[in-house]
N, C-alpha and C. Protein backbone atom coordinates (compact mmCIF):
# COMPACT_ATOMS: atom_id res chain seq x y z
N MET A 1 -2.25 30.42 -92.73
CA MET A 1 -2.89 31.42 -92.84
C MET A 1 -2.41 32.53 -94.18
N GLU A 2 -3.70 32.81 -94.70
CA GLU A 2 -3.28 33.51 -96.04
C GLU A 2 -3.09 35.40 -96.07
N VAL A 3 -2.32 35.69 -96.21
CA VAL A 3 -2.15 37.06 -96.11
C VAL A 3 -2.23 37.20 -97.08
N GLU A 4 -2.73 38.76 -97.54
CA GLU A 4 -2.99 39.30 -98.95
C GLU A 4 -3.36 40.25 -99.43
N VAL A 5 -3.23 40.97 -99.85
CA VAL A 5 -3.70 42.20 -100.81
C VAL A 5 -4.02 42.56 -101.97
N LYS A 6 -5.68 42.95 -101.81
CA LYS A 6 -6.46 43.06 -103.28
C LYS A 6 -6.79 44.60 -103.67
N TYR A 7 -6.52 44.29 -105.05
CA TYR A 7 -6.49 45.86 -105.47
C TYR A 7 -7.82 45.51 -107.12
N ALA A 8 -8.41 46.60 -107.23
CA ALA A 8 -9.63 46.65 -108.50
C ALA A 8 -8.44 47.61 -109.06
N VAL A 9 -8.71 46.90 -110.63
CA VAL A 9 -7.79 47.35 -111.43
C VAL A 9 -8.81 48.21 -112.69
N PRO A 10 -8.50 49.24 -112.99
CA PRO A 10 -9.81 49.82 -113.97
C PRO A 10 -10.12 48.74 -115.11
N SER A 11 -8.88 48.33 -115.75
CA SER A 11 -9.06 47.82 -117.44
C SER A 11 -8.06 46.99 -117.26
N SER A 12 -8.10 45.77 -118.69
CA SER A 12 -7.49 44.93 -119.14
C SER A 12 -5.94 45.31 -119.88
N GLU A 13 -6.46 46.92 -120.34
CA GLU A 13 -4.96 47.31 -120.42
C GLU A 13 -4.16 47.93 -119.49
N VAL A 14 -4.47 47.66 -118.60
CA VAL A 14 -4.07 48.30 -116.95
C VAL A 14 -3.10 47.10 -116.58
N ILE A 15 -4.14 45.83 -116.96
CA ILE A 15 -3.33 44.44 -116.18
C ILE A 15 -2.32 44.19 -117.02
N ASP A 16 -2.36 44.45 -118.33
CA ASP A 16 -1.54 44.41 -119.26
C ASP A 16 -0.18 45.11 -119.11
N ARG A 17 -0.21 46.52 -118.64
CA ARG A 17 0.30 47.32 -118.37
C ARG A 17 1.77 46.60 -117.23
N ILE A 18 1.06 46.09 -116.15
CA ILE A 18 1.37 45.89 -114.66
C ILE A 18 2.68 44.96 -115.21
N TRP A 19 1.28 43.61 -115.94
CA TRP A 19 2.63 42.04 -116.52
C TRP A 19 3.66 43.15 -117.17
N ASN A 20 3.77 43.30 -117.97
CA ASN A 20 5.24 44.09 -118.24
C ASN A 20 5.90 45.16 -117.86
N ASP A 21 5.34 45.66 -116.57
CA ASP A 21 6.19 46.93 -116.12
C ASP A 21 7.78 46.20 -115.70
N ARG A 22 8.66 47.53 -116.00
CA ARG A 22 10.09 46.65 -116.15
C ARG A 22 10.43 46.34 -114.85
N THR A 23 10.21 47.43 -113.57
CA THR A 23 10.10 47.41 -112.54
C THR A 23 9.98 45.97 -111.70
N ILE A 24 9.02 45.27 -112.25
CA ILE A 24 8.30 44.26 -111.28
C ILE A 24 9.15 43.17 -112.48
N ILE A 25 9.03 43.24 -113.39
CA ILE A 25 10.00 42.12 -114.07
C ILE A 25 11.11 41.77 -113.13
N ASN A 26 11.50 43.21 -112.93
CA ASN A 26 13.24 42.89 -112.52
C ASN A 26 13.11 42.41 -110.99
N ILE A 27 12.18 42.37 -110.21
CA ILE A 27 12.96 41.91 -109.42
C ILE A 27 11.93 40.11 -109.46
N SER A 28 11.42 39.62 -110.36
CA SER A 28 10.49 38.60 -110.87
C SER A 28 11.69 37.02 -111.15
N ASP A 29 10.88 36.33 -110.76
CA ASP A 29 11.91 35.20 -110.94
C ASP A 29 11.13 34.56 -112.73
N PRO A 30 11.95 34.59 -113.60
CA PRO A 30 11.06 34.25 -114.46
C PRO A 30 11.19 32.97 -114.74
N ALA A 31 10.99 31.84 -114.27
CA ALA A 31 10.89 30.63 -114.57
C ALA A 31 9.12 30.68 -113.87
N THR A 32 9.00 31.71 -112.75
CA THR A 32 7.47 31.40 -112.55
C THR A 32 6.85 32.39 -113.05
N LEU A 33 6.70 33.02 -114.23
CA LEU A 33 6.08 33.83 -115.23
C LEU A 33 5.01 32.28 -115.69
N GLU A 34 3.65 32.94 -115.21
CA GLU A 34 2.61 32.08 -115.76
C GLU A 34 1.17 33.00 -116.18
N LYS A 35 0.61 32.17 -117.16
CA LYS A 35 -1.36 32.26 -117.23
C LYS A 35 -1.49 31.55 -117.33
N VAL A 36 -2.36 31.33 -116.17
CA VAL A 36 -3.01 29.71 -116.18
C VAL A 36 -4.76 29.96 -116.30
N PRO A 37 -5.36 29.46 -116.94
CA PRO A 37 -6.79 28.98 -116.84
C PRO A 37 -7.62 28.60 -115.38
N LEU A 38 -8.28 30.32 -114.85
CA LEU A 38 -8.77 28.94 -113.18
C LEU A 38 -10.49 29.05 -113.87
N PHE A 39 -10.91 28.04 -113.50
CA PHE A 39 -12.20 27.74 -113.45
C PHE A 39 -13.19 26.81 -111.65
N ALA A 40 -13.63 27.91 -111.08
CA ALA A 40 -13.88 27.49 -109.41
C ALA A 40 -15.18 27.61 -109.40
N VAL A 41 -15.84 26.64 -108.99
CA VAL A 41 -17.48 25.80 -108.02
C VAL A 41 -17.56 26.78 -106.56
N TYR A 42 -17.93 27.86 -105.91
CA TYR A 42 -18.49 27.33 -104.68
C TYR A 42 -19.28 27.13 -104.22
N TYR A 43 -19.36 26.20 -102.84
CA TYR A 43 -20.33 25.29 -102.45
C TYR A 43 -21.34 26.02 -101.33
N ASP A 44 -22.18 25.69 -100.92
CA ASP A 44 -23.04 26.28 -99.62
C ASP A 44 -23.81 25.33 -99.52
N THR A 45 -24.82 24.88 -98.16
CA THR A 45 -25.56 23.95 -97.83
C THR A 45 -27.34 24.93 -98.40
N GLU A 46 -28.12 23.82 -98.88
CA GLU A 46 -29.44 24.92 -99.34
C GLU A 46 -29.89 26.42 -98.12
N ASP A 47 -29.55 25.73 -96.89
CA ASP A 47 -30.29 26.96 -96.15
C ASP A 47 -29.19 28.20 -95.33
N LYS A 48 -27.91 28.10 -96.39
CA LYS A 48 -26.64 28.79 -96.63
C LYS A 48 -25.43 28.72 -94.87
N SER A 49 -25.64 27.65 -94.64
CA SER A 49 -25.16 27.46 -92.50
C SER A 49 -23.69 27.76 -92.90
N LEU A 50 -22.88 27.67 -94.21
CA LEU A 50 -21.67 27.71 -94.09
C LEU A 50 -21.34 29.30 -94.17
N ARG A 51 -22.18 30.35 -94.58
CA ARG A 51 -21.77 31.29 -95.40
C ARG A 51 -22.12 32.14 -94.15
N LYS A 52 -23.21 31.76 -92.55
CA LYS A 52 -23.83 31.91 -91.97
C LYS A 52 -22.70 32.14 -90.96
N ARG A 53 -21.89 31.08 -91.30
CA ARG A 53 -20.88 30.99 -89.69
C ARG A 53 -19.32 31.33 -90.36
N HIS A 54 -19.32 31.83 -91.92
CA HIS A 54 -17.95 32.41 -92.23
C HIS A 54 -17.03 31.43 -93.22
N TYR A 55 -17.81 30.74 -93.14
CA TYR A 55 -16.84 29.40 -93.90
C TYR A 55 -17.54 29.44 -95.44
N THR A 56 -16.30 29.11 -96.34
CA THR A 56 -16.28 29.31 -97.67
C THR A 56 -15.36 27.74 -97.40
N ILE A 57 -16.48 27.02 -98.71
CA ILE A 57 -15.73 26.19 -99.32
C ILE A 57 -15.63 26.32 -101.00
N ARG A 58 -14.66 25.98 -101.57
CA ARG A 58 -14.70 25.63 -103.91
C ARG A 58 -14.27 24.83 -103.59
N ALA A 59 -14.50 24.52 -105.00
CA ALA A 59 -13.30 23.29 -106.20
C ALA A 59 -13.34 24.44 -107.47
N ARG A 60 -11.80 24.30 -107.20
CA ARG A 60 -11.08 24.74 -108.26
C ARG A 60 -10.15 24.49 -109.32
N SER A 61 -9.98 24.46 -110.52
CA SER A 61 -8.88 23.77 -111.24
C SER A 61 -8.35 24.94 -111.80
N GLU A 62 -6.69 24.57 -111.58
CA GLU A 62 -5.61 25.76 -112.18
C GLU A 62 -4.75 24.71 -112.99
N GLY A 63 -5.40 25.44 -114.77
CA GLY A 63 -4.63 24.27 -115.42
C GLY A 63 -4.84 22.97 -115.37
N PRO A 64 -4.21 22.07 -115.86
CA PRO A 64 -4.40 20.72 -115.15
C PRO A 64 -4.53 20.23 -113.78
N ALA A 65 -3.99 20.94 -112.92
CA ALA A 65 -4.85 20.92 -111.23
C ALA A 65 -6.03 21.13 -110.67
N ALA A 66 -6.19 20.39 -109.88
CA ALA A 66 -7.22 20.65 -109.29
C ALA A 66 -7.22 20.84 -107.73
N PHE A 67 -7.68 21.65 -106.81
CA PHE A 67 -7.82 21.45 -105.34
C PHE A 67 -9.10 22.16 -105.24
N ALA A 68 -9.48 21.34 -103.34
CA ALA A 68 -10.79 21.99 -102.95
C ALA A 68 -9.99 21.88 -101.60
N THR A 69 -10.68 23.64 -101.49
CA THR A 69 -10.51 24.69 -100.48
C THR A 69 -11.36 24.88 -99.47
N VAL A 70 -10.93 25.63 -98.51
CA VAL A 70 -11.95 25.58 -97.24
C VAL A 70 -11.07 27.10 -96.57
N LYS A 71 -12.13 27.78 -96.56
CA LYS A 71 -11.12 29.36 -96.08
C LYS A 71 -12.41 29.82 -94.67
N TRP A 72 -11.19 30.56 -93.23
CA TRP A 72 -12.46 30.76 -92.46
C TRP A 72 -11.75 31.78 -91.48
N GLY A 73 -12.33 32.45 -90.77
CA GLY A 73 -12.00 33.29 -89.84
C GLY A 73 -11.20 34.36 -90.71
N GLY A 74 -10.72 35.00 -89.95
CA GLY A 74 -9.38 36.30 -90.90
C GLY A 74 -10.55 36.99 -90.42
N SER A 75 -9.66 38.42 -91.88
CA SER A 75 -10.13 39.85 -91.59
C SER A 75 -9.51 40.62 -92.96
N SER A 76 -11.10 41.54 -92.69
CA SER A 76 -10.03 42.68 -93.89
C SER A 76 -10.29 44.05 -93.45
N SER A 77 -9.11 44.51 -93.93
CA SER A 77 -8.82 46.27 -93.88
C SER A 77 -8.66 47.04 -95.12
N GLY A 78 -9.67 47.28 -95.73
CA GLY A 78 -8.85 48.06 -97.42
C GLY A 78 -8.79 47.13 -98.00
N ALA A 79 -7.09 47.65 -98.26
CA ALA A 79 -6.57 46.09 -99.49
C ALA A 79 -5.77 45.02 -98.72
N MET A 80 -5.97 44.89 -97.48
CA MET A 80 -5.32 43.90 -96.86
C MET A 80 -6.62 42.70 -96.48
N HIS A 81 -6.46 41.61 -96.26
CA HIS A 81 -6.92 40.20 -96.26
C HIS A 81 -5.84 39.29 -95.63
N LYS A 82 -6.81 38.71 -94.65
CA LYS A 82 -6.33 37.37 -93.63
C LYS A 82 -6.89 36.36 -93.25
N ARG A 83 -7.14 35.28 -93.61
CA ARG A 83 -8.16 33.96 -93.32
C ARG A 83 -7.14 32.68 -93.44
N GLU A 84 -7.47 32.11 -92.64
CA GLU A 84 -7.00 30.70 -92.46
C GLU A 84 -7.38 30.14 -93.74
N GLU A 85 -6.65 28.99 -94.50
CA GLU A 85 -7.02 28.45 -95.51
C GLU A 85 -6.21 27.07 -95.60
N ILE A 86 -6.70 26.03 -95.93
CA ILE A 86 -6.55 24.43 -96.36
C ILE A 86 -6.85 24.24 -97.79
N ASN A 87 -5.38 23.91 -98.69
CA ASN A 87 -5.97 22.99 -100.09
C ASN A 87 -6.02 22.03 -99.76
N VAL A 88 -6.69 20.86 -100.78
CA VAL A 88 -6.24 20.00 -101.05
C VAL A 88 -6.52 19.42 -102.09
N PRO A 89 -5.99 18.49 -102.75
CA PRO A 89 -5.69 18.10 -104.45
C PRO A 89 -6.78 17.13 -104.25
N ILE A 90 -7.21 17.74 -105.45
CA ILE A 90 -8.68 16.72 -105.89
C ILE A 90 -8.40 16.14 -107.39
N ASP A 91 -8.94 15.20 -108.33
CA ASP A 91 -9.29 15.30 -109.25
C ASP A 91 -9.42 15.90 -110.06
N PRO A 92 -8.89 16.41 -110.97
CA PRO A 92 -9.49 17.52 -112.03
C PRO A 92 -10.70 17.32 -112.49
N GLN A 93 -10.84 15.71 -112.89
CA GLN A 93 -12.12 15.74 -113.73
C GLN A 93 -13.60 15.65 -112.81
N LYS A 94 -13.26 15.98 -111.35
CA LYS A 94 -14.63 15.54 -110.82
C LYS A 94 -14.92 17.44 -110.51
N ILE A 95 -13.90 18.07 -111.48
CA ILE A 95 -14.16 19.51 -110.78
C ILE A 95 -15.74 20.17 -110.15
N ILE A 96 -16.86 19.57 -110.78
CA ILE A 96 -18.14 19.76 -110.69
C ILE A 96 -18.80 19.21 -109.65
N GLU A 97 -18.28 18.33 -109.00
CA GLU A 97 -18.35 17.92 -108.07
C GLU A 97 -18.38 18.43 -106.57
N ALA A 98 -19.83 18.38 -105.70
CA ALA A 98 -19.10 18.74 -104.81
C ALA A 98 -18.20 18.74 -103.77
N PRO A 99 -17.22 18.56 -103.20
CA PRO A 99 -16.46 18.01 -101.98
C PRO A 99 -16.88 17.59 -101.46
N SER A 100 -16.03 16.80 -100.72
CA SER A 100 -16.96 15.85 -99.22
C SER A 100 -15.87 17.16 -97.86
N VAL A 101 -16.95 17.40 -97.39
CA VAL A 101 -15.99 18.07 -96.10
C VAL A 101 -15.14 17.18 -95.11
N ASP A 102 -14.92 15.79 -95.34
CA ASP A 102 -13.94 15.10 -95.22
C ASP A 102 -12.44 15.25 -95.62
N LEU A 103 -12.50 15.63 -96.68
CA LEU A 103 -11.14 15.90 -97.27
C LEU A 103 -10.55 16.55 -96.54
N PHE A 104 -11.24 17.75 -95.43
CA PHE A 104 -10.40 18.79 -94.73
C PHE A 104 -10.50 18.08 -93.00
N ALA A 105 -10.55 16.61 -93.01
CA ALA A 105 -10.19 16.04 -92.05
C ALA A 105 -8.54 16.22 -91.17
N GLY A 106 -8.83 16.45 -90.21
CA GLY A 106 -7.41 16.55 -89.53
C GLY A 106 -7.03 18.17 -89.71
N SER A 107 -7.86 18.99 -89.76
CA SER A 107 -7.82 20.07 -89.33
C SER A 107 -8.23 21.05 -88.83
N ALA A 108 -8.27 22.37 -88.42
CA ALA A 108 -8.86 23.16 -87.58
C ALA A 108 -10.24 22.97 -87.87
N ALA A 109 -10.74 23.33 -88.86
CA ALA A 109 -12.17 23.21 -89.26
C ALA A 109 -13.11 22.59 -89.72
N TYR A 110 -12.49 21.06 -89.41
CA TYR A 110 -13.31 20.17 -89.43
C TYR A 110 -14.40 19.63 -88.85
N LYS A 111 -14.34 19.84 -87.26
CA LYS A 111 -15.23 20.31 -86.57
C LYS A 111 -16.51 20.88 -86.76
N ASP A 112 -16.18 22.17 -87.18
CA ASP A 112 -17.41 22.77 -87.65
C ASP A 112 -17.87 22.34 -88.75
N LEU A 113 -16.96 22.13 -89.44
CA LEU A 113 -17.72 21.68 -91.26
C LEU A 113 -18.42 20.70 -90.78
N LYS A 114 -18.40 19.44 -89.91
CA LYS A 114 -19.53 18.59 -89.45
C LYS A 114 -20.11 19.00 -89.32
N GLU A 115 -20.52 19.75 -88.14
CA GLU A 115 -21.54 20.34 -87.46
C GLU A 115 -22.23 20.96 -88.63
N LEU A 116 -21.76 21.69 -89.27
CA LEU A 116 -22.58 23.31 -89.73
C LEU A 116 -23.72 22.32 -91.29
N THR A 117 -22.33 21.16 -92.05
CA THR A 117 -23.82 20.19 -92.94
C THR A 117 -24.79 19.24 -92.22
N ASP A 118 -24.11 18.88 -91.23
CA ASP A 118 -25.10 17.61 -90.83
C ASP A 118 -25.64 16.58 -91.86
N GLY A 119 -24.77 16.14 -92.28
CA GLY A 119 -25.15 15.29 -93.80
C GLY A 119 -26.13 15.85 -94.30
N LYS A 120 -26.29 17.39 -94.68
CA LYS A 120 -26.63 17.99 -95.86
C LYS A 120 -26.14 18.11 -97.18
N PRO A 121 -26.23 18.30 -98.26
CA PRO A 121 -25.65 18.08 -99.04
C PRO A 121 -25.05 19.36 -99.37
N LEU A 122 -24.14 19.73 -99.94
CA LEU A 122 -23.50 21.17 -100.71
C LEU A 122 -23.92 21.17 -101.80
N VAL A 123 -24.31 22.26 -102.32
CA VAL A 123 -24.55 22.16 -103.45
C VAL A 123 -24.34 23.86 -104.40
N PRO A 124 -24.17 24.19 -104.93
CA PRO A 124 -23.46 25.35 -105.84
C PRO A 124 -23.58 26.31 -105.76
N VAL A 125 -23.39 27.47 -105.11
CA VAL A 125 -23.28 28.74 -105.18
C VAL A 125 -23.67 29.83 -106.52
N LEU A 126 -22.36 29.59 -106.80
CA LEU A 126 -21.31 30.83 -107.98
C LEU A 126 -20.89 29.67 -108.44
N VAL A 127 -19.72 30.12 -109.79
CA VAL A 127 -18.29 30.29 -110.80
C VAL A 127 -18.20 31.30 -110.76
N MET A 128 -16.45 30.52 -110.71
CA MET A 128 -15.73 31.98 -111.60
C MET A 128 -15.24 31.37 -112.38
N ARG A 129 -14.59 31.82 -113.73
CA ARG A 129 -13.64 32.18 -115.02
C ARG A 129 -13.47 32.80 -114.97
N PHE A 130 -11.83 32.90 -114.83
CA PHE A 130 -11.02 33.74 -115.49
C PHE A 130 -9.18 32.94 -115.45
N THR A 131 -8.85 34.51 -116.07
CA THR A 131 -6.95 34.15 -116.60
C THR A 131 -6.59 34.74 -115.11
N ARG A 132 -5.67 33.71 -114.70
CA ARG A 132 -4.21 34.58 -113.55
C ARG A 132 -3.10 34.71 -114.46
N SER A 133 -2.43 35.44 -114.32
CA SER A 133 -1.39 35.89 -114.59
C SER A 133 -0.50 36.44 -113.49
N ARG A 134 0.63 35.34 -113.42
CA ARG A 134 1.31 35.57 -112.62
C ARG A 134 2.70 35.08 -112.17
N MET A 135 3.29 35.57 -111.34
CA MET A 135 4.87 35.34 -111.01
C MET A 135 4.95 35.84 -109.83
N ARG A 136 6.24 35.08 -109.47
CA ARG A 136 6.94 35.22 -107.73
C ARG A 136 7.99 36.39 -108.16
N LEU A 137 8.09 37.58 -106.88
CA LEU A 137 8.66 38.23 -106.65
C LEU A 137 9.10 38.35 -105.59
N THR A 138 10.33 39.45 -105.57
CA THR A 138 11.47 38.55 -104.54
C THR A 138 11.59 40.58 -103.66
N PHE A 139 10.98 40.60 -102.74
CA PHE A 139 11.34 42.37 -102.44
C PHE A 139 10.92 41.94 -100.85
N GLU A 140 12.45 43.44 -100.28
CA GLU A 140 12.92 42.95 -98.82
C GLU A 140 12.68 42.14 -98.33
N GLY A 141 13.67 40.87 -99.07
CA GLY A 141 13.77 39.71 -98.76
C GLY A 141 12.95 38.87 -98.39
N ASN A 142 11.62 38.88 -99.13
CA ASN A 142 10.53 38.57 -98.76
C ASN A 142 9.69 37.34 -100.31
N ILE A 143 8.93 36.82 -100.18
CA ILE A 143 9.22 36.21 -101.76
C ILE A 143 7.07 36.26 -101.54
N ILE A 144 7.02 37.10 -102.95
CA ILE A 144 4.87 37.73 -102.98
C ILE A 144 4.68 37.01 -104.21
N GLU A 145 3.78 36.69 -104.53
CA GLU A 145 3.08 36.11 -105.74
C GLU A 145 1.96 37.31 -106.27
N LEU A 146 2.60 37.35 -107.23
CA LEU A 146 1.73 38.71 -107.97
C LEU A 146 1.14 37.58 -109.13
N ALA A 147 -0.04 38.04 -108.62
CA ALA A 147 -1.47 37.31 -109.55
C ALA A 147 -2.75 38.75 -110.29
N LEU A 148 -2.38 38.40 -111.21
CA LEU A 148 -3.43 39.56 -111.99
C LEU A 148 -4.81 38.66 -112.81
N ASP A 149 -5.41 38.93 -112.41
CA ASP A 149 -7.35 38.10 -112.68
C ASP A 149 -7.75 38.76 -114.18
N LEU A 150 -8.05 38.50 -114.55
CA LEU A 150 -9.00 38.74 -115.53
C LEU A 150 -10.05 37.90 -116.22
N GLY A 151 -11.47 38.11 -115.63
CA GLY A 151 -12.41 37.24 -116.30
C GLY A 151 -14.04 37.16 -115.83
N ASN A 152 -15.24 36.65 -115.18
CA ASN A 152 -16.39 37.00 -114.88
C ASN A 152 -16.49 35.90 -113.53
N ILE A 153 -17.91 36.22 -112.99
CA ILE A 153 -18.00 35.82 -112.17
C ILE A 153 -18.80 35.83 -112.49
N GLU A 154 -20.11 34.23 -111.93
CA GLU A 154 -21.63 34.11 -112.97
C GLU A 154 -22.23 33.43 -111.39
N THR A 155 -23.28 33.89 -111.43
CA THR A 155 -24.39 33.84 -110.42
C THR A 155 -25.70 33.32 -111.72
N ALA A 156 -26.87 33.15 -110.77
CA ALA A 156 -28.16 33.16 -111.12
C ALA A 156 -28.82 33.90 -111.56
N ASN A 157 -28.19 35.41 -110.57
CA ASN A 157 -28.41 36.49 -111.08
C ASN A 157 -27.76 37.72 -112.21
N GLY A 158 -27.06 36.29 -112.59
CA GLY A 158 -26.04 37.13 -113.50
C GLY A 158 -24.83 37.88 -113.48
N SER A 159 -23.64 38.15 -114.39
CA SER A 159 -22.19 38.26 -114.01
C SER A 159 -21.71 39.22 -113.90
N THR A 160 -20.52 39.62 -113.11
CA THR A 160 -19.84 40.33 -112.53
C THR A 160 -18.02 40.49 -113.32
N PRO A 161 -17.53 41.51 -114.12
CA PRO A 161 -16.36 41.01 -114.17
C PRO A 161 -15.69 41.05 -113.18
N ILE A 162 -14.31 40.24 -113.47
CA ILE A 162 -13.15 39.97 -112.39
C ILE A 162 -12.37 40.73 -112.82
N CYS A 163 -11.94 41.65 -112.43
CA CYS A 163 -10.52 42.42 -113.43
C CYS A 163 -9.40 42.82 -111.87
N GLU A 164 -8.72 42.38 -111.53
CA GLU A 164 -8.16 43.00 -110.12
C GLU A 164 -6.66 42.73 -110.15
N MET A 165 -6.01 43.22 -109.23
CA MET A 165 -4.35 42.72 -108.62
C MET A 165 -4.28 41.80 -107.42
N GLU A 166 -3.88 41.03 -107.07
CA GLU A 166 -3.14 40.62 -105.68
C GLU A 166 -2.10 40.11 -106.28
N LEU A 167 -1.92 40.35 -104.46
CA LEU A 167 -0.41 39.93 -103.84
C LEU A 167 -0.55 39.26 -102.59
N GLU A 168 -0.03 38.22 -102.84
CA GLU A 168 0.01 37.47 -101.72
C GLU A 168 1.29 37.02 -100.82
N HIS A 169 1.60 36.97 -99.38
CA HIS A 169 2.73 36.83 -98.85
C HIS A 169 3.25 35.39 -98.53
N CYS A 170 4.56 35.21 -99.39
CA CYS A 170 4.16 33.42 -99.36
C CYS A 170 5.52 32.83 -98.63
N ALA A 171 6.30 33.94 -98.34
CA ALA A 171 7.62 33.52 -97.52
C ALA A 171 8.84 34.73 -97.62
N GLY A 172 8.54 34.93 -95.39
CA GLY A 172 9.76 35.96 -95.55
C GLY A 172 9.62 36.52 -94.39
N PRO A 173 10.05 37.41 -93.49
CA PRO A 173 10.64 38.57 -92.47
C PRO A 173 8.85 38.85 -92.60
N SER A 174 8.77 39.38 -92.83
CA SER A 174 7.72 40.74 -92.70
C SER A 174 6.44 40.54 -94.02
N GLU A 175 5.07 40.00 -93.29
CA GLU A 175 4.19 40.04 -93.80
C GLU A 175 2.96 41.81 -94.31
N ASN A 176 3.98 42.42 -94.20
CA ASN A 176 3.67 44.10 -94.13
C ASN A 176 4.07 44.05 -95.40
N SER A 177 5.41 43.24 -96.05
CA SER A 177 5.72 44.10 -97.49
C SER A 177 5.17 43.68 -98.81
N VAL A 178 3.73 43.09 -98.52
CA VAL A 178 2.76 42.69 -99.14
C VAL A 178 1.84 44.12 -99.67
N LYS A 179 1.35 44.83 -98.61
CA LYS A 179 1.13 45.65 -98.05
C LYS A 179 2.05 46.57 -98.65
N LYS A 180 3.39 47.29 -98.48
CA LYS A 180 4.20 48.24 -99.00
C LYS A 180 4.20 47.96 -100.44
N LEU A 181 4.59 46.74 -101.18
CA LEU A 181 4.54 46.34 -102.19
C LEU A 181 3.24 46.81 -103.20
N GLY A 182 2.37 46.57 -102.43
CA GLY A 182 0.53 46.73 -103.66
C GLY A 182 1.01 47.88 -103.34
N ASP A 183 0.81 48.80 -102.23
CA ASP A 183 0.33 49.99 -102.52
C ASP A 183 1.41 51.33 -103.18
N HIS A 184 2.62 50.75 -103.60
CA HIS A 184 3.22 51.51 -104.47
C HIS A 184 3.08 51.45 -105.77
N ILE A 185 2.41 50.31 -106.16
CA ILE A 185 1.90 49.63 -107.54
C ILE A 185 0.73 49.84 -108.04
N ALA A 186 -0.32 50.13 -106.83
CA ALA A 186 -1.34 51.03 -106.35
C ALA A 186 -1.57 52.45 -107.04
N GLU A 187 -0.56 52.84 -106.57
CA GLU A 187 -0.39 54.01 -106.44
C GLU A 187 0.37 54.17 -108.09
N LYS A 188 1.12 53.75 -108.57
CA LYS A 188 1.29 54.41 -109.85
C LYS A 188 0.56 53.87 -111.34
N TYR A 189 -0.50 53.01 -110.42
CA TYR A 189 -1.47 52.25 -111.55
C TYR A 189 -2.99 53.00 -111.19
N SER A 190 -2.77 53.54 -110.12
CA SER A 190 -4.04 54.37 -110.13
C SER A 190 -5.41 53.58 -109.88
N LEU A 191 -4.61 51.83 -109.33
CA LEU A 191 -5.68 51.14 -108.49
C LEU A 191 -6.14 51.74 -106.96
N ARG A 192 -7.69 50.80 -106.70
CA ARG A 192 -8.19 51.51 -105.80
C ARG A 192 -8.21 50.06 -104.47
N PRO A 193 -7.60 49.96 -103.53
CA PRO A 193 -8.42 48.37 -102.37
C PRO A 193 -9.57 48.13 -102.97
N GLU A 194 -9.56 46.97 -103.14
CA GLU A 194 -10.09 46.11 -102.62
C GLU A 194 -11.04 45.70 -101.28
N PRO A 195 -11.89 45.44 -100.74
CA PRO A 195 -12.11 44.66 -99.20
C PRO A 195 -13.29 43.74 -99.69
N ARG A 196 -13.63 43.68 -100.74
CA ARG A 196 -14.23 42.27 -100.75
C ARG A 196 -13.29 41.52 -101.75
N SER A 197 -13.30 39.92 -101.29
CA SER A 197 -13.20 38.71 -102.41
C SER A 197 -13.80 38.41 -103.41
N LYS A 198 -13.51 38.16 -104.18
CA LYS A 198 -14.57 37.39 -105.48
C LYS A 198 -15.87 36.58 -104.83
N TYR A 199 -15.62 36.05 -103.90
CA TYR A 199 -17.03 35.05 -103.57
C TYR A 199 -17.93 36.44 -102.80
N SER A 200 -17.71 37.31 -101.85
CA SER A 200 -18.35 38.16 -101.16
C SER A 200 -19.08 39.22 -102.58
N ARG A 201 -18.24 39.15 -103.58
CA ARG A 201 -19.02 40.33 -104.83
C ARG A 201 -19.74 39.33 -105.76
N GLY A 202 -19.53 38.30 -105.41
CA GLY A 202 -20.84 37.04 -106.06
C GLY A 202 -22.03 36.91 -105.20
N LEU A 203 -21.78 36.84 -103.85
CA LEU A 203 -22.96 36.41 -103.09
C LEU A 203 -23.80 37.93 -103.16
N ALA A 204 -23.08 39.49 -103.22
CA ALA A 204 -23.83 40.88 -103.23
C ALA A 204 -24.50 40.48 -104.79
N LEU A 205 -24.28 39.84 -105.64
CA LEU A 205 -25.20 40.16 -107.00
C LEU A 205 -26.17 39.12 -106.41
N LEU A 206 -26.08 37.79 -106.24
CA LEU A 206 -26.97 36.81 -105.26
C LEU A 206 -27.91 37.67 -104.81
N ASP A 207 -27.46 38.21 -103.90
CA ASP A 207 -28.60 39.02 -102.83
C ASP A 207 -29.06 40.25 -103.55
N GLN A 208 -29.06 40.49 -104.47
CA GLN A 208 -30.27 41.69 -104.71
C GLN A 208 -31.19 41.33 -104.98
N ASP A 209 -31.99 40.51 -105.22
CA ASP A 209 -32.85 40.11 -105.07
C ASP A 209 -33.91 40.20 -103.56
N HIS A 210 -32.87 40.52 -103.06
CA HIS A 210 -33.87 40.32 -101.18
C HIS A 210 -33.68 41.49 -100.46
N LEU A 211 -32.84 42.92 -101.68
CA LEU A 211 -32.61 43.98 -101.08
C LEU A 211 -34.25 44.84 -100.98
């Protein structure tokens, strides 16, 4: 289960201020500080069968590594997001090839994925390119990853910017710690909760022709 909070950040300047915040640096693991280029392609069938059942499949490169991911279920409320998620390593040279659903064999999602695709090819829906500045923090006995994302979501209907902060619970006794820490940073930097995923924002842009 992925448990995270998301906040919209008003500008790249605020991204830099959060990244260099001394209070945040003081609870970080210095060995985890990094800035990584991310490139992601999201897929569905032509008839949007995955989207209709709230499944998301993507292939994403993170620096030299690459992963195929399926997300499903879960909920979102304000800044808080919870979803089931499985990541499988793939060849970075094949990042623009649609991943096979068989990569997720043995998972709770696999039966649904096979039924929903039923031999139908996966096609690209949208692309994301952004830089992720990330570090791991220790907060109230929990390990939390702070990620600051800056870039663009690209669709056939144009693009929309990415400028946001995510905090993900990685380990520890309290998943609610991400919300507590996230709200503290949000108050300090006047951030607003982002209830939509990046993928949802991209789909909203694609759907404008149909409104």
